Amino acid sequence: MSAPGSRAGRPALLLVVSRRRRFTRHVLDRPDIDTVLLRPETSTVEVPDGRPAFHLRAGAPAEDEAARYRRWLSGLGLPRPTFFCNPDEAAQPLAHRFAAAAGLPHLAPRQVRLATDKLAMKELFAAAGLPAARFRAVNSATEVKEFAERYGWPVVVKPTVSGSAVDTWKVDADRLATVDLTLRSCPDRRWIAEEYVRGTEHQLCALVHDSQVLDAYIAVNPAPVLDTLDGAMNADITLAPSEPEPVDGRAVAQRIADALNFRAGYLHAEFFIDQDGSFVMGEIAARLGGAELPTSHGLSRGFDMLAAAADVYVGRRPTLTYTRDRSVGHLLLPARRGVVSGISSPAELTALPGVISAVLTAAIGDRLDPPRASNASSGHVHIEGENSGVVRERMAEVLSRFRLEVTEAHD
């Protein structure tokens, strides 16, 4: 029997509203999936197109919210979802606790912890037999110094739960005082000190269906994410299928999926290739890769990555038919504080070599105050090339030609 409001054989998905707007738009436009939206109270993302969304209260018992949700569905005549997808990193504990109470597929509390807590991730890497940077929990600059005296400077210091490199620092001895102030000002947060890996950072994404990794996709970062906070090129470049991979991505993703007991969905991970060529795990997430990374994967291989991701969340095994062999990268355009008085147009950017598309999120008259975060930007472009080296060169040209003029912001 079909759920109320849905057609026979058409799955209904409860989708958490998130910053993955392109994915949200794709799912909402799918004629073969009924979609109901869930917006956690903690979210700052607006519901698209004014569509009805269940507003999940953060402080209420999950069972009470599930009962209210069922009444809400019935009152609006919406389909009753039997599948669940949460692309929002910050909402993981709240959203999956609610999904469990609502009888939907979900991550158990242990899985949420392993996929969001950076200390717990080290447990998962050990269980999966994957090497990771050395680390310790820290609460003071003294403990950071002790760690550095054992493993060397610089040291990466970050909250155990955070995203987009917010409050993450590469610390030398002369920055200890600043770190001490940060740790002392946040006594309720847990922190981790981690060995700094001097190498190349990569992104790894995988589609999982019925506990099996169907395929994995690797991207290289022209500069480590931490360096982008200080002005380095902020981008990821999906390797062309014909390019050699630095590691067997599918095998690594399967180890992660097995250790996490991850049955279906999208896995995202970060890893490094150290200067000596060794493989070092960074972090993982049980949700879509950030920003436009999934789109880059799809453009690189000539298939609809967003459709494949949606399929695994509604229990379908997608047909992965690839039609292209190219590298495609996603470059974030820089932003700086001030009022925008001039900025390159999308037409100017798409006229540059290899630029497939350009999206600007800043316009003349806008007041910019970008946060210290890896997702801060004034827009983005997708760039193609025969391999990742060509794409990197084209990204450098885009940055050299990109124009952003700001005047001083007066508060």
Protein backbone atom coordinates (compact mmCIF):
# COMPACT_ATOMS: atom_id res chain seq x y z
CA MET A 1 0.00 0.00 0.00
CA SER A 2 1.39 3.40 -0.92
CA ALA A 3 2.02 6.12 1.63
CA PRO A 4 -0.59 8.90 1.65
CA GLY A 5 -0.02 11.34 -1.19
CA SER A 6 2.50 9.20 -3.08
CA ARG A 7 2.14 7.10 -6.20
CA ALA A 8 2.55 3.34 -6.08
CA GLY A 9 6.19 2.34 -6.31
CA ARG A 10 7.48 5.88 -5.81
CA PRO A 11 9.78 6.21 -2.77
CA ALA A 12 9.28 9.01 -0.27
CA LEU A 13 12.37 10.61 1.25
CA LEU A 14 12.72 12.83 4.31
CA LEU A 15 15.53 15.24 3.39
CA VAL A 16 17.25 17.56 5.84
CA VAL A 17 17.61 21.12 4.53
CA SER A 18 21.33 21.90 4.22
CA ARG A 19 23.94 24.06 2.52
CA ARG A 20 24.11 21.38 -0.23
CA ARG A 21 21.60 23.47 -2.17
CA ARG A 22 22.35 21.91 -5.55
CA PHE A 23 21.62 18.45 -4.14
CA THR A 24 18.45 19.69 -2.42
CA ARG A 25 17.25 21.23 -5.68
CA HIS A 26 18.00 18.02 -7.58
CA VAL A 27 16.01 15.87 -5.16
CA LEU A 28 13.07 18.27 -5.11
CA ASP A 29 12.97 18.23 -8.91
CA ARG A 30 13.01 14.43 -9.18
CA PRO A 31 9.68 13.21 -10.65
CA ASP A 32 10.36 9.69 -9.35
CA ILE A 33 10.88 10.60 -5.67
CA ASP A 34 8.43 12.18 -3.23
CA THR A 35 10.39 14.52 -0.96
CA VAL A 36 9.49 15.91 2.44
CA LEU A 37 11.80 18.50 4.01
CA LEU A 38 13.10 18.58 7.58
CA ARG A 39 14.64 21.76 8.99
CA PRO A 40 16.40 21.44 12.36
CA GLU A 41 15.93 24.36 14.71
CA THR A 42 19.71 24.80 14.78
CA SER A 43 19.94 25.34 11.01
CA THR A 44 20.54 28.75 9.44
CA VAL A 45 19.63 27.57 5.92
CA GLU A 46 16.34 28.79 4.51
CA VAL A 47 13.77 26.34 3.18
CA PRO A 48 13.81 26.50 -0.66
CA ASP A 49 10.86 28.00 -2.52
CA GLY A 50 8.83 28.34 0.65
CA ARG A 51 8.05 24.62 0.56
CA PRO A 52 6.51 23.02 3.63
CA ALA A 53 9.12 21.71 6.03
CA PHE A 54 8.88 20.14 9.44
CA HIS A 55 10.74 22.34 11.91
CA LEU A 56 12.53 20.05 14.33
CA ARG A 57 12.99 21.45 17.83
CA ALA A 58 16.40 20.83 19.33
CA GLY A 59 15.42 20.63 22.99
CA ALA A 60 12.30 18.46 22.75
CA PRO A 61 12.33 14.66 23.26
CA ALA A 62 12.77 12.86 19.95
CA GLU A 63 9.68 10.69 20.55
CA ASP A 64 7.52 13.79 21.08
CA GLU A 65 8.90 15.37 17.92
CA ALA A 66 8.24 12.17 15.97
CA ALA A 67 4.61 12.15 17.12
CA ARG A 68 4.24 15.82 16.18
CA TYR A 69 5.86 15.09 12.81
CA ARG A 70 3.34 12.33 12.04
CA ARG A 71 0.46 14.67 12.87
CA TRP A 72 2.04 17.35 10.66
CA LEU A 73 2.31 14.94 7.72
CA SER A 74 -1.28 13.84 8.11
CA GLY A 75 -2.58 17.39 8.39
CA LEU A 76 -0.89 18.47 5.14
CA GLY A 77 -1.62 15.24 3.29
CA LEU A 78 2.08 14.73 2.59
CA PRO A 79 3.54 11.32 1.71
CA ARG A 80 4.91 9.29 4.61
CA PRO A 81 8.66 8.96 4.04
CA THR A 82 10.32 5.60 4.52
CA PHE A 83 13.82 6.84 3.60
CA PHE A 84 16.03 9.47 5.21
CA CYS A 85 18.94 11.65 4.11
CA ASN A 86 20.87 14.17 6.20
CA PRO A 87 23.58 16.10 4.29
CA ASP A 88 24.03 18.57 7.18
CA GLU A 89 27.15 17.91 9.27
CA ALA A 90 26.13 20.04 12.26
CA ALA A 91 22.70 18.39 12.49
CA GLN A 92 23.97 14.80 12.56
CA PRO A 93 23.21 13.95 16.25
CA LEU A 94 19.83 15.73 16.32
CA ALA A 95 18.66 14.57 12.88
CA HIS A 96 19.56 10.91 13.28
CA ARG A 97 18.10 10.76 16.79
CA PHE A 98 14.85 12.07 15.33
CA ALA A 99 14.98 9.64 12.37
CA ALA A 100 15.31 6.73 14.80
CA ALA A 101 12.25 7.90 16.74
CA ALA A 102 10.33 8.31 13.47
CA GLY A 103 11.15 4.76 12.37
CA LEU A 104 13.38 5.84 9.47
CA PRO A 105 16.80 4.52 8.40
CA HIS A 106 19.40 6.30 10.52
CA LEU A 107 22.88 6.27 11.96
CA ALA A 108 23.11 4.87 15.47
CA PRO A 109 24.64 7.12 18.16
CA ARG A 110 27.95 5.23 17.91
CA GLN A 111 28.06 5.77 14.14
CA VAL A 112 27.31 9.47 14.54
CA ARG A 113 30.14 9.76 17.08
CA LEU A 114 32.62 7.94 14.82
CA ALA A 115 31.70 10.14 11.85
CA THR A 116 31.66 13.52 13.62
CA ASP A 117 34.07 13.39 16.58
CA LYS A 118 37.70 13.71 15.51
CA LEU A 119 38.98 11.71 18.47
CA ALA A 120 36.50 8.91 17.75
CA MET A 121 37.57 8.89 14.09
CA LYS A 122 41.01 7.76 15.24
CA GLU A 123 39.33 4.71 16.80
CA LEU A 124 37.62 3.97 13.51
CA PHE A 125 40.85 4.32 11.50
CA ALA A 126 42.60 1.91 13.87
CA ALA A 127 39.74 -0.59 13.54
CA ALA A 128 39.88 -0.26 9.75
CA GLY A 129 43.66 -0.70 9.66
CA LEU A 130 44.19 2.76 8.17
CA PRO A 131 47.16 4.92 9.24
CA ALA A 132 46.43 8.33 10.74
CA ALA A 133 48.41 11.24 12.13
CA ARG A 134 49.48 10.94 15.76
CA PHE A 135 47.32 12.88 18.21
CA ARG A 136 46.20 13.54 21.76
CA ALA A 137 43.33 15.29 23.49
CA VAL A 138 44.41 18.67 24.88
CA ASN A 139 42.97 21.28 27.20
CA SER A 140 45.83 23.77 27.51
CA ALA A 141 48.81 25.27 25.71
CA THR A 142 51.04 23.28 28.04
CA GLU A 143 49.61 20.03 26.68
CA VAL A 144 50.00 21.29 23.12
CA LYS A 145 53.66 22.10 23.88
CA GLU A 146 54.22 18.64 25.38
CA PHE A 147 52.79 17.05 22.24
CA ALA A 148 54.99 19.22 19.99
CA GLU A 149 58.12 18.40 21.98
CA ARG A 150 57.47 14.75 21.23
CA TYR A 151 56.34 14.94 17.60
CA GLY A 152 57.62 18.30 16.35
CA TRP A 153 56.29 21.68 15.30
CA PRO A 154 53.97 22.79 13.81
CA VAL A 155 50.98 21.15 15.46
CA VAL A 156 47.38 21.22 14.25
CA VAL A 157 44.97 22.22 17.04
CA LYS A 158 41.23 21.96 16.45
CA PRO A 159 37.93 21.24 18.20
CA THR A 160 36.98 17.58 18.24
CA VAL A 161 33.65 18.50 16.63
CA SER A 162 33.67 21.20 13.96
CA GLY A 163 33.49 21.70 10.20
CA SER A 164 34.95 23.88 7.43
CA ALA A 165 38.21 24.25 9.44
CA VAL A 166 36.48 26.65 11.85
CA ASP A 167 38.69 27.26 14.92
CA THR A 168 41.41 25.07 13.43
CA TRP A 169 45.02 26.31 13.65
CA LYS A 170 48.48 25.32 12.48
CA VAL A 171 50.47 26.24 15.57
CA ASP A 172 54.16 27.09 15.91
CA ALA A 173 55.87 27.71 19.25
CA ASP A 174 55.41 31.46 18.93
CA ARG A 175 51.61 31.08 18.62
CA LEU A 176 51.17 29.15 21.86
CA ALA A 177 49.89 32.19 23.73
CA THR A 178 47.13 32.71 21.16
CA VAL A 179 46.15 29.04 21.36
CA ASP A 180 46.11 29.20 25.15
CA LEU A 181 43.66 32.10 25.02
CA THR A 182 41.45 30.19 22.56
CA LEU A 183 41.36 27.06 24.70
CA ARG A 184 40.74 29.00 27.90
CA SER A 185 37.90 30.98 26.32
CA CYS A 186 36.11 27.76 25.31
CA PRO A 187 36.18 25.59 28.45
CA ASP A 188 33.14 23.56 27.37
CA ARG A 189 34.69 22.43 24.07
CA ARG A 190 36.94 19.42 23.59
CA TRP A 191 40.17 19.87 21.61
CA ILE A 192 42.66 17.68 19.81
CA ALA A 193 46.31 18.24 18.93
CA GLU A 194 47.44 16.44 15.81
CA GLU A 195 50.73 15.87 14.07
CA TYR A 196 51.10 18.13 11.03
CA VAL A 197 51.37 16.12 7.82
CA ARG A 198 53.67 17.74 5.26
CA GLY A 199 52.19 16.50 2.05
CA THR A 200 49.36 16.73 -0.46
CA GLU A 201 45.77 16.74 0.74
CA HIS A 202 43.09 14.75 -1.09
CA GLN A 203 39.34 14.25 -0.91
CA LEU A 204 37.73 10.81 -1.23
CA CYS A 205 34.03 10.28 -1.90
CA ALA A 206 32.15 7.01 -2.27
CA LEU A 207 28.65 5.76 -3.05
CA VAL A 208 27.50 2.91 -0.81
CA HIS A 209 24.59 0.56 -1.51
CA ASP A 210 23.72 -2.48 0.60
CA SER A 211 27.03 -2.07 2.52
CA GLN A 212 29.04 -2.24 -0.72
CA VAL A 213 31.12 0.63 -2.10
CA LEU A 214 29.93 0.93 -5.69
CA ASP A 215 32.68 3.32 -6.69
CA ALA A 216 35.00 5.93 -5.21
CA TYR A 217 36.19 9.28 -6.52
CA ILE A 218 39.42 11.08 -5.61
CA ALA A 219 40.18 14.79 -5.80
CA VAL A 220 43.41 16.61 -5.03
CA ASN A 221 43.66 19.93 -3.21
CA PRO A 222 46.13 22.34 -4.85
CA ALA A 223 46.90 23.58 -1.33
CA PRO A 224 46.10 22.02 2.06
CA VAL A 225 42.81 23.29 3.47
CA LEU A 226 44.58 24.91 6.43
CA ASP A 227 46.73 26.97 4.06
CA THR A 228 43.64 28.28 2.26
CA LEU A 229 42.70 30.09 5.47
CA ASP A 230 45.82 32.21 4.90
CA GLY A 231 45.09 32.93 1.23
CA ALA A 232 46.31 29.84 -0.65
CA MET A 233 44.30 28.57 -3.63
CA ASN A 234 41.04 27.15 -2.26
CA ALA A 235 40.01 24.34 -4.59
CA ASP A 236 39.62 20.64 -5.17
CA ILE A 237 40.30 18.91 -8.48
CA THR A 238 38.73 15.55 -9.31
CA LEU A 239 41.27 13.29 -10.99
CA ALA A 240 40.46 12.18 -14.53
CA PRO A 241 39.57 8.46 -14.67
CA SER A 242 42.72 7.85 -16.73
CA GLU A 243 45.00 9.54 -14.16
CA PRO A 244 46.86 7.32 -11.70
CA GLU A 245 45.30 7.32 -8.24
CA PRO A 246 47.55 7.92 -5.22
CA VAL A 247 45.71 5.13 -3.38
CA ASP A 248 43.05 2.50 -4.11
CA GLY A 249 40.10 4.73 -3.28
CA ARG A 250 37.46 2.02 -3.46
CA ALA A 251 39.40 -0.26 -1.10
CA VAL A 252 39.96 2.55 1.42
CA ALA A 253 36.30 3.56 1.29
CA GLN A 254 35.20 -0.06 1.79
CA ARG A 255 37.38 -0.34 4.90
CA ILE A 256 35.75 2.81 6.28
CA ALA A 257 32.25 1.60 5.41
CA ASP A 258 32.91 -1.77 7.08
CA ALA A 259 34.35 -0.23 10.26
CA LEU A 260 31.44 2.22 10.43
CA ASN A 261 28.87 -0.45 9.53
CA PHE A 262 27.63 2.01 6.93
CA ARG A 263 24.90 0.42 4.83
CA ALA A 264 23.80 3.02 2.33
CA GLY A 265 24.57 6.60 1.39
CA TYR A 266 27.47 8.89 0.58
CA LEU A 267 30.81 8.69 2.39
CA HIS A 268 33.29 11.55 2.37
CA ALA A 269 36.87 11.44 3.62
CA GLU A 270 40.08 13.45 3.59
CA PHE A 271 43.55 11.95 3.37
CA PHE A 272 47.14 12.98 2.76
CA ILE A 273 50.04 11.64 0.79
CA ASP A 274 53.03 12.57 2.93
CA GLN A 275 56.30 13.85 1.50
CA ASP A 276 57.74 10.34 1.73
CA GLY A 277 54.80 8.95 -0.29
CA SER A 278 53.01 7.37 2.67
CA PHE A 279 49.21 7.41 3.02
CA VAL A 280 47.71 9.14 6.07
CA MET A 281 44.00 9.40 6.87
CA GLY A 282 42.60 12.78 7.86
CA GLU A 283 38.87 12.86 8.65
CA ILE A 284 35.62 11.25 7.51
CA ALA A 285 31.97 12.23 7.24
CA ALA A 286 28.82 10.20 6.61
CA ARG A 287 27.22 12.70 4.25
CA LEU A 288 27.80 14.36 0.88
CA GLY A 289 31.14 16.00 0.23
CA GLY A 290 31.27 19.71 0.81
CA ALA A 291 30.51 22.55 -1.58
CA GLU A 292 30.49 21.49 -5.25
CA LEU A 293 32.73 18.42 -4.92
CA PRO A 294 30.04 15.88 -5.95
CA THR A 295 29.29 17.98 -9.03
CA SER A 296 32.96 17.94 -9.99
CA HIS A 297 33.00 14.14 -9.75
CA GLY A 298 30.00 13.91 -12.06
CA LEU A 299 31.38 16.37 -14.59
CA SER A 300 34.70 14.55 -14.63
CA ARG A 301 33.12 11.24 -15.60
CA GLY A 302 30.11 12.51 -17.54
CA PHE A 303 27.35 11.15 -15.31
CA ASP A 304 24.81 12.53 -12.87
CA MET A 305 26.50 12.16 -9.48
CA LEU A 306 23.64 13.86 -7.64
CA ALA A 307 21.13 11.42 -9.13
CA ALA A 308 23.31 8.48 -8.09
CA ALA A 309 23.60 9.89 -4.56
CA ALA A 310 19.84 10.36 -4.29
CA ASP A 311 19.30 6.82 -5.54
CA VAL A 312 21.40 5.18 -2.84
CA TYR A 313 19.45 7.10 -0.20
CA VAL A 314 16.14 5.66 -1.45
CA GLY A 315 17.43 2.10 -1.62
CA ARG A 316 18.21 1.95 -5.32
CA ARG A 317 21.43 0.72 -6.88
CA PRO A 318 22.38 3.40 -9.43
CA THR A 319 23.72 2.48 -12.83
CA LEU A 320 27.14 4.11 -13.00
CA THR A 321 27.71 4.69 -16.70
CA TYR A 322 30.61 7.04 -17.38
CA THR A 323 30.88 8.94 -20.66
CA ARG A 324 33.81 11.33 -20.10
CA ASP A 325 37.49 11.12 -19.17
CA ARG A 326 38.61 14.49 -17.93
CA SER A 327 39.61 16.29 -14.77
CA VAL A 328 37.22 18.87 -13.33
CA GLY A 329 37.93 21.17 -10.45
CA HIS A 330 35.94 23.45 -8.20
CA LEU A 331 37.62 26.75 -7.33
CA LEU A 332 36.33 29.06 -4.62
CA LEU A 333 36.74 32.71 -5.53
CA PRO A 334 38.35 34.83 -2.81
CA ALA A 335 36.46 37.26 -0.62
CA ARG A 336 37.64 40.01 1.67
CA ARG A 337 36.07 42.39 4.12
CA GLY A 338 34.43 45.52 2.75
CA VAL A 339 31.65 46.75 0.50
CA VAL A 340 31.86 45.39 -3.04
CA SER A 341 32.44 48.17 -5.56
CA GLY A 342 33.48 45.97 -8.49
CA ILE A 343 33.57 42.27 -9.32
CA SER A 344 34.15 40.10 -12.39
CA SER A 345 31.01 38.94 -14.17
CA PRO A 346 30.13 35.28 -14.84
CA ALA A 347 30.52 36.01 -18.56
CA GLU A 348 34.08 37.25 -18.04
CA LEU A 349 34.96 34.14 -16.05
CA THR A 350 33.38 31.61 -18.42
CA ALA A 351 35.35 33.15 -21.29
CA LEU A 352 38.59 31.97 -19.68
CA PRO A 353 40.20 28.65 -20.76
CA GLY A 354 38.49 25.58 -19.35
CA VAL A 355 35.85 27.37 -17.29
CA ILE A 356 32.60 25.39 -17.52
CA SER A 357 30.46 27.50 -15.21
CA ALA A 358 30.72 30.45 -12.83
CA VAL A 359 28.50 31.39 -9.92
CA LEU A 360 28.92 34.63 -7.97
CA THR A 361 27.48 34.96 -4.48
CA ALA A 362 28.63 38.58 -4.08
CA ALA A 363 27.39 41.61 -6.00
CA ILE A 364 28.14 45.32 -6.13
CA GLY A 365 26.87 46.95 -2.96
CA ASP A 366 27.11 43.81 -0.84
CA ARG A 367 28.89 44.09 2.49
CA LEU A 368 31.33 41.20 2.88
CA ASP A 369 32.74 39.95 6.16
CA PRO A 370 34.04 36.46 5.33
CA PRO A 371 34.57 34.16 8.30
CA ARG A 372 37.82 32.32 8.91
CA ALA A 373 36.51 29.13 7.34
CA SER A 374 37.38 26.96 4.37
CA ASN A 375 34.01 27.65 2.71
CA ALA A 376 34.35 31.46 2.70
CA SER A 377 34.15 32.84 -0.84
CA SER A 378 32.57 35.33 -3.21
CA GLY A 379 31.53 32.57 -5.62
CA HIS A 380 32.94 29.57 -7.44
CA VAL A 381 33.84 28.24 -10.87
CA HIS A 382 34.11 24.75 -12.35
CA ILE A 383 37.12 24.23 -14.60
CA GLU A 384 37.93 21.30 -16.90
CA GLY A 385 41.18 19.96 -18.34
CA GLU A 386 42.69 16.75 -19.66
CA ASN A 387 44.28 16.12 -16.27
CA SER A 388 44.53 17.69 -12.82
CA GLY A 389 47.76 19.52 -13.68
CA VAL A 390 46.09 21.37 -16.54
CA VAL A 391 43.14 22.27 -14.32
CA ARG A 392 45.47 23.62 -11.64
CA GLU A 393 47.17 25.89 -14.20
CA ARG A 394 43.80 27.14 -15.43
CA MET A 395 42.70 27.84 -11.86
CA ALA A 396 45.78 29.97 -11.35
CA GLU A 397 44.89 31.97 -14.46
CA VAL A 398 41.31 32.49 -13.24
CA LEU A 399 42.62 33.82 -9.93
CA SER A 400 45.02 36.14 -11.72
CA ARG A 401 42.17 37.54 -13.82
CA PHE A 402 39.44 37.61 -11.17
CA ARG A 403 38.53 41.12 -10.06
CA LEU A 404 37.09 41.91 -6.64
CA GLU A 405 37.14 45.55 -5.55
CA VAL A 406 35.95 46.57 -2.11
CA THR A 407 35.77 49.80 -0.22
CA GLU A 408 36.26 50.08 3.50
CA ALA A 409 33.28 48.84 5.51
CA HIS A 410 32.08 51.33 8.11
CA ASP A 411 30.19 49.73 11.00
